[in-house]
Every structure is written in C-alpha cells, then in structure tokens.
C-alpha cells in the first residue's frame, strides 16, 4: 500500500535552491527532469495561494568564470520560479544554503521546522543543503521531480547519466536526511482544505 500525501504543518517552508538562469548554460551538458521548472512553478503557485513561507536561495559565486557570479546574466532567477515582493532571498556562496547565511536563524525565529525542498543541482547544492537541514533537526521533504542534475563521470571513470546521478543522490538522502516525494504528493496535501 502506497503512503498518502505527507502531513505538512501550516507553516512548512518552501525552499527553492539556485533556480537561476546560469543552470541553462550548455556547458553543464545533458540534464534529467526537463519538467522540473514547471513542477517548481506549480509548487510555488500552490504555496503562494496558501500564504505559506517561501525562501529563494540564490548562489552568488565568487569565481570569476562562473555563470552564477553577480553581474552575469546567469545570476538572475529563472522566469516562472523567481521571487516576488515579500518573499525571502537567501544569498549563499557555498553549496549549502545554511553555510554563511542566516537561513537557519530565520527558520528558527519563525518556528518553521518543516522544509519542502526543490532546485538544483540534485547532487550538489540540493544534497548539501538537505543533509545539513536533516542534521540540524529539520523535517525535510525533497521533491525529486522538482530537482535535476547532469550527466557526469564517476570516480572510476564510468560515464553516468543524469538519471543515475539523480537517483543515487536521492538514495543517499532518503530516510536519514529527508523523505523523498514528488510534486503531486505535496500538491495533494491541499486537496479538500
């Protein structure tokens, strides 16, 4: 029997990671989950309609050749998932949204102990942030079809598809750090309310 949708507290926070135009640069290569942005847009619309807290994490790279560096076109948020007035933007310079930012303090002050996370890159900033959130005691729901990654070579020199990299990252996080869900699981929490 499949579990039902998660039970989210009214103040569960939506945490969107690094959804900036830099991620569309061809240098990243082939990605998985081409529908991720539309899934995130659906989550964001649902959250806004419910009046829930939304945090947009923006990567401010310090590397001069990075498309994520402030001042570069890629630094801008992607259309459809960009913050609106009143939504919090957390600027980070490392892979974890908790390192060198006030994210944890903001969440604690607001009593927001449940996070629903989506964004990029699954095996980089998403994984680093989710691991740390889990270690800090937050209840985390990771939206697998609201994240994506890219094909890459593993440590042994074997080429892995984005789907394989994504699945392994989710396996690393599932259970100990987060509950892995799909967009429809989260959207179903609002049915009938």
Protein backbone atom coordinates (compact mmCIF):
# COMPACT_ATOMS: atom_id res chain seq x y z
CA UNK A 1 0.00 0.00 0.00
CA UNK A 2 1.37 3.41 -1.01
CA UNK A 3 1.59 6.03 1.73
CA UNK A 4 -0.70 9.02 1.42
CA UNK A 5 0.48 12.60 0.98
CA UNK A 6 2.70 13.97 3.73
CA UNK A 7 1.04 15.87 6.53
CA UNK A 8 2.59 19.32 6.44
CA UNK A 9 2.24 21.92 9.17
CA UNK A 10 0.64 25.19 8.08
CA UNK A 11 3.97 26.98 8.36
CA UNK A 12 6.02 24.46 6.34
CA UNK A 13 8.52 26.43 4.28
CA UNK A 14 9.19 26.00 0.57
CA UNK A 15 12.95 26.22 -0.03
CA UNK A 16 13.98 26.69 -3.67
CA UNK A 17 17.68 26.29 -4.39
CA UNK A 18 19.72 28.04 -7.10
CA UNK A 19 16.99 28.24 -9.74
CA UNK A 20 18.95 30.79 -11.72
CA UNK A 21 19.49 31.21 -15.44
CA UNK A 22 23.12 30.04 -15.08
CA UNK A 23 21.88 26.46 -14.89
CA UNK A 24 20.73 26.65 -18.51
CA UNK A 25 24.25 27.24 -19.88
CA UNK A 26 25.16 24.50 -22.38
CA UNK A 27 28.46 23.81 -20.58
CA UNK A 28 26.56 21.79 -17.96
CA UNK A 29 25.67 19.13 -20.53
CA UNK A 30 22.59 16.90 -20.67
CA UNK A 31 20.17 17.03 -17.75
CA UNK A 32 17.29 14.96 -16.42
CA UNK A 33 13.79 16.01 -15.30
CA UNK A 34 13.03 18.51 -18.09
CA UNK A 35 9.71 19.21 -16.33
CA UNK A 36 11.39 20.30 -13.07
CA UNK A 37 10.81 24.02 -13.56
CA UNK A 38 7.11 23.55 -14.34
CA UNK A 39 6.79 21.36 -11.23
CA UNK A 40 8.52 24.02 -9.13
CA UNK A 41 6.23 26.67 -10.63
CA UNK A 42 3.21 24.58 -9.60
CA UNK A 43 4.57 24.21 -6.05
CA UNK A 44 5.30 27.92 -5.88
CA UNK A 45 1.81 28.86 -7.08
CA UNK A 46 0.28 26.47 -4.53
CA UNK A 47 2.45 27.89 -1.73
CA UNK A 48 1.64 31.48 -2.64
CA UNK A 49 -2.08 30.74 -2.81
CA UNK A 50 -1.90 29.16 0.67
CA UNK A 51 0.12 32.10 2.00
CA UNK A 52 2.97 29.82 3.04
CA UNK A 53 6.57 30.91 3.62
CA UNK A 54 8.86 30.77 0.59
CA UNK A 55 12.65 31.05 0.61
CA UNK A 56 14.59 31.50 -2.63
CA UNK A 57 18.25 30.56 -2.37
CA UNK A 58 20.48 32.44 -4.80
CA UNK A 59 24.05 31.35 -5.49
CA UNK A 60 26.43 34.31 -5.59
CA UNK A 61 29.55 32.65 -6.96
CA UNK A 62 32.91 34.18 -6.13
CA UNK A 63 34.59 32.53 -9.13
CA UNK A 64 35.28 34.94 -11.98
CA UNK A 65 34.41 32.38 -14.68
CA UNK A 66 31.12 31.29 -13.08
CA UNK A 67 27.80 31.98 -14.78
CA UNK A 68 26.40 32.28 -11.23
CA UNK A 69 28.61 35.29 -10.43
CA UNK A 70 26.74 38.51 -9.61
CA UNK A 71 26.68 40.79 -12.64
CA UNK A 72 26.42 37.90 -15.09
CA UNK A 73 23.13 37.25 -16.95
CA UNK A 74 23.04 33.76 -15.43
CA UNK A 75 22.85 35.23 -11.94
CA UNK A 76 19.20 36.18 -12.48
CA UNK A 77 16.42 33.87 -11.30
CA UNK A 78 14.70 31.72 -13.89
CA UNK A 79 11.34 33.02 -15.13
CA UNK A 80 8.42 31.22 -13.55
CA UNK A 81 10.30 30.44 -10.34
CA UNK A 82 11.57 33.91 -9.45
CA UNK A 83 10.73 35.58 -6.14
CA UNK A 84 8.00 38.16 -5.85
CA UNK A 85 7.91 41.09 -3.47
CA UNK A 86 7.82 39.93 0.14
CA UNK A 87 9.50 36.55 -0.46
CA UNK A 88 12.85 35.98 1.19
CA UNK A 89 16.03 35.65 -0.87
CA UNK A 90 18.97 33.94 0.81
CA UNK A 91 22.31 34.65 -0.86
CA UNK A 92 24.89 31.90 -0.47
CA UNK A 93 28.49 31.47 -1.63
CA UNK A 94 28.95 27.76 -0.89
CA UNK A 95 26.97 24.66 -1.83
CA UNK A 96 24.89 24.60 1.39
CA UNK A 97 22.19 27.21 1.93
CA UNK A 98 22.97 27.03 5.66
CA UNK A 99 26.67 27.93 5.48
CA UNK A 100 27.47 31.63 5.80
CA UNK A 101 23.78 32.65 5.71
CA UNK A 102 21.06 33.46 8.22
CA UNK A 103 18.70 30.79 6.86
CA UNK A 104 18.72 28.65 9.99
CA UNK A 105 18.17 31.67 12.26
CA UNK A 106 15.27 32.89 10.10
CA UNK A 107 13.60 29.47 10.12
CA UNK A 108 14.03 29.06 13.88
CA UNK A 109 12.70 32.55 14.65
CA UNK A 110 9.63 31.81 12.54
CA UNK A 111 9.13 28.36 14.11
CA UNK A 112 9.42 26.75 10.67
CA UNK A 113 10.74 23.25 11.31
CA UNK A 114 9.45 21.55 8.15
CA UNK A 115 11.04 22.23 4.76
CA UNK A 116 9.92 21.25 1.28
CA UNK A 117 12.99 21.48 -0.96
CA UNK A 118 13.41 21.69 -4.73
CA UNK A 119 16.03 23.13 -7.05
CA UNK A 120 19.46 22.41 -8.46
CA UNK A 121 21.84 20.66 -8.64
CA UNK A 122 20.48 17.47 -7.05
CA UNK A 123 23.89 16.04 -6.14
CA UNK A 124 25.46 19.37 -5.25
CA UNK A 125 23.67 22.29 -3.56
CA UNK A 126 20.41 20.38 -3.06
CA UNK A 127 22.16 17.41 -1.46
CA UNK A 128 24.44 19.61 0.69
CA UNK A 129 21.51 21.71 1.92
CA UNK A 130 19.24 18.73 2.61
CA UNK A 131 21.97 16.87 4.53
CA UNK A 132 22.62 19.89 6.70
CA UNK A 133 18.91 20.56 7.25
CA UNK A 134 18.47 16.96 8.38
CA UNK A 135 21.46 17.20 10.69
CA UNK A 136 20.07 20.42 12.18
CA UNK A 137 16.82 18.64 13.04
CA UNK A 138 14.52 19.99 10.34
CA UNK A 139 11.91 17.67 8.83
CA UNK A 140 12.71 17.71 5.13
CA UNK A 141 10.64 16.67 2.12
CA UNK A 142 12.75 16.58 -1.03
CA UNK A 143 10.74 16.94 -4.24
CA UNK A 144 12.55 14.59 -6.64
CA UNK A 145 10.80 15.81 -9.78
CA UNK A 146 11.41 19.42 -8.77
CA UNK A 147 15.19 18.87 -8.93
CA UNK A 148 17.60 17.95 -11.68
CA UNK A 149 21.23 17.24 -12.40
CA UNK A 150 23.55 16.41 -15.29
CA UNK A 151 25.43 13.53 -16.87
CA UNK A 152 28.88 13.11 -15.34
CA UNK A 153 31.84 10.81 -14.95
CA UNK A 154 32.08 8.92 -11.67
CA UNK A 155 35.20 8.38 -9.57
CA UNK A 156 36.06 5.21 -11.51
CA UNK A 157 35.86 6.96 -14.86
CA UNK A 158 32.47 5.49 -15.76
CA UNK A 159 30.09 7.87 -17.52
CA UNK A 160 26.81 8.13 -15.59
CA UNK A 161 23.57 9.53 -16.92
CA UNK A 162 21.86 12.38 -15.16
CA UNK A 163 19.11 9.94 -14.22
CA UNK A 164 21.66 7.68 -12.50
CA UNK A 165 23.37 10.57 -10.70
CA UNK A 166 19.98 11.92 -9.58
CA UNK A 167 18.78 8.52 -8.35
CA UNK A 168 21.96 7.89 -6.35
CA UNK A 169 21.79 11.32 -4.75
CA UNK A 170 18.17 10.67 -3.74
CA UNK A 171 19.18 7.27 -2.35
CA UNK A 172 21.90 8.98 -0.28
CA UNK A 173 19.34 11.34 1.25
CA UNK A 174 16.24 9.17 1.60
CA UNK A 175 15.41 8.15 5.14
CA UNK A 176 18.29 9.60 7.12
CA UNK A 177 18.08 13.19 5.89
CA UNK A 178 14.77 13.55 4.06
CA UNK A 179 11.59 11.99 2.82
CA UNK A 180 11.73 11.88 -0.97
CA UNK A 181 8.40 12.86 -2.56
CA UNK A 182 7.00 14.00 -5.89
CA UNK A 183 5.27 17.26 -6.74
CA UNK A 184 1.88 15.54 -6.82
CA UNK A 185 2.44 14.27 -3.24
CA UNK A 186 2.89 17.81 -1.96
CA UNK A 187 0.04 19.28 -4.02
CA UNK A 188 -2.25 16.51 -2.73
CA UNK A 189 -1.77 17.79 0.83
CA UNK A 190 -4.02 20.73 -0.03
CA UNK A 191 -6.87 18.73 -1.53
CA UNK A 192 -10.08 19.21 0.36
CA UNK A 193 -8.75 22.03 2.50
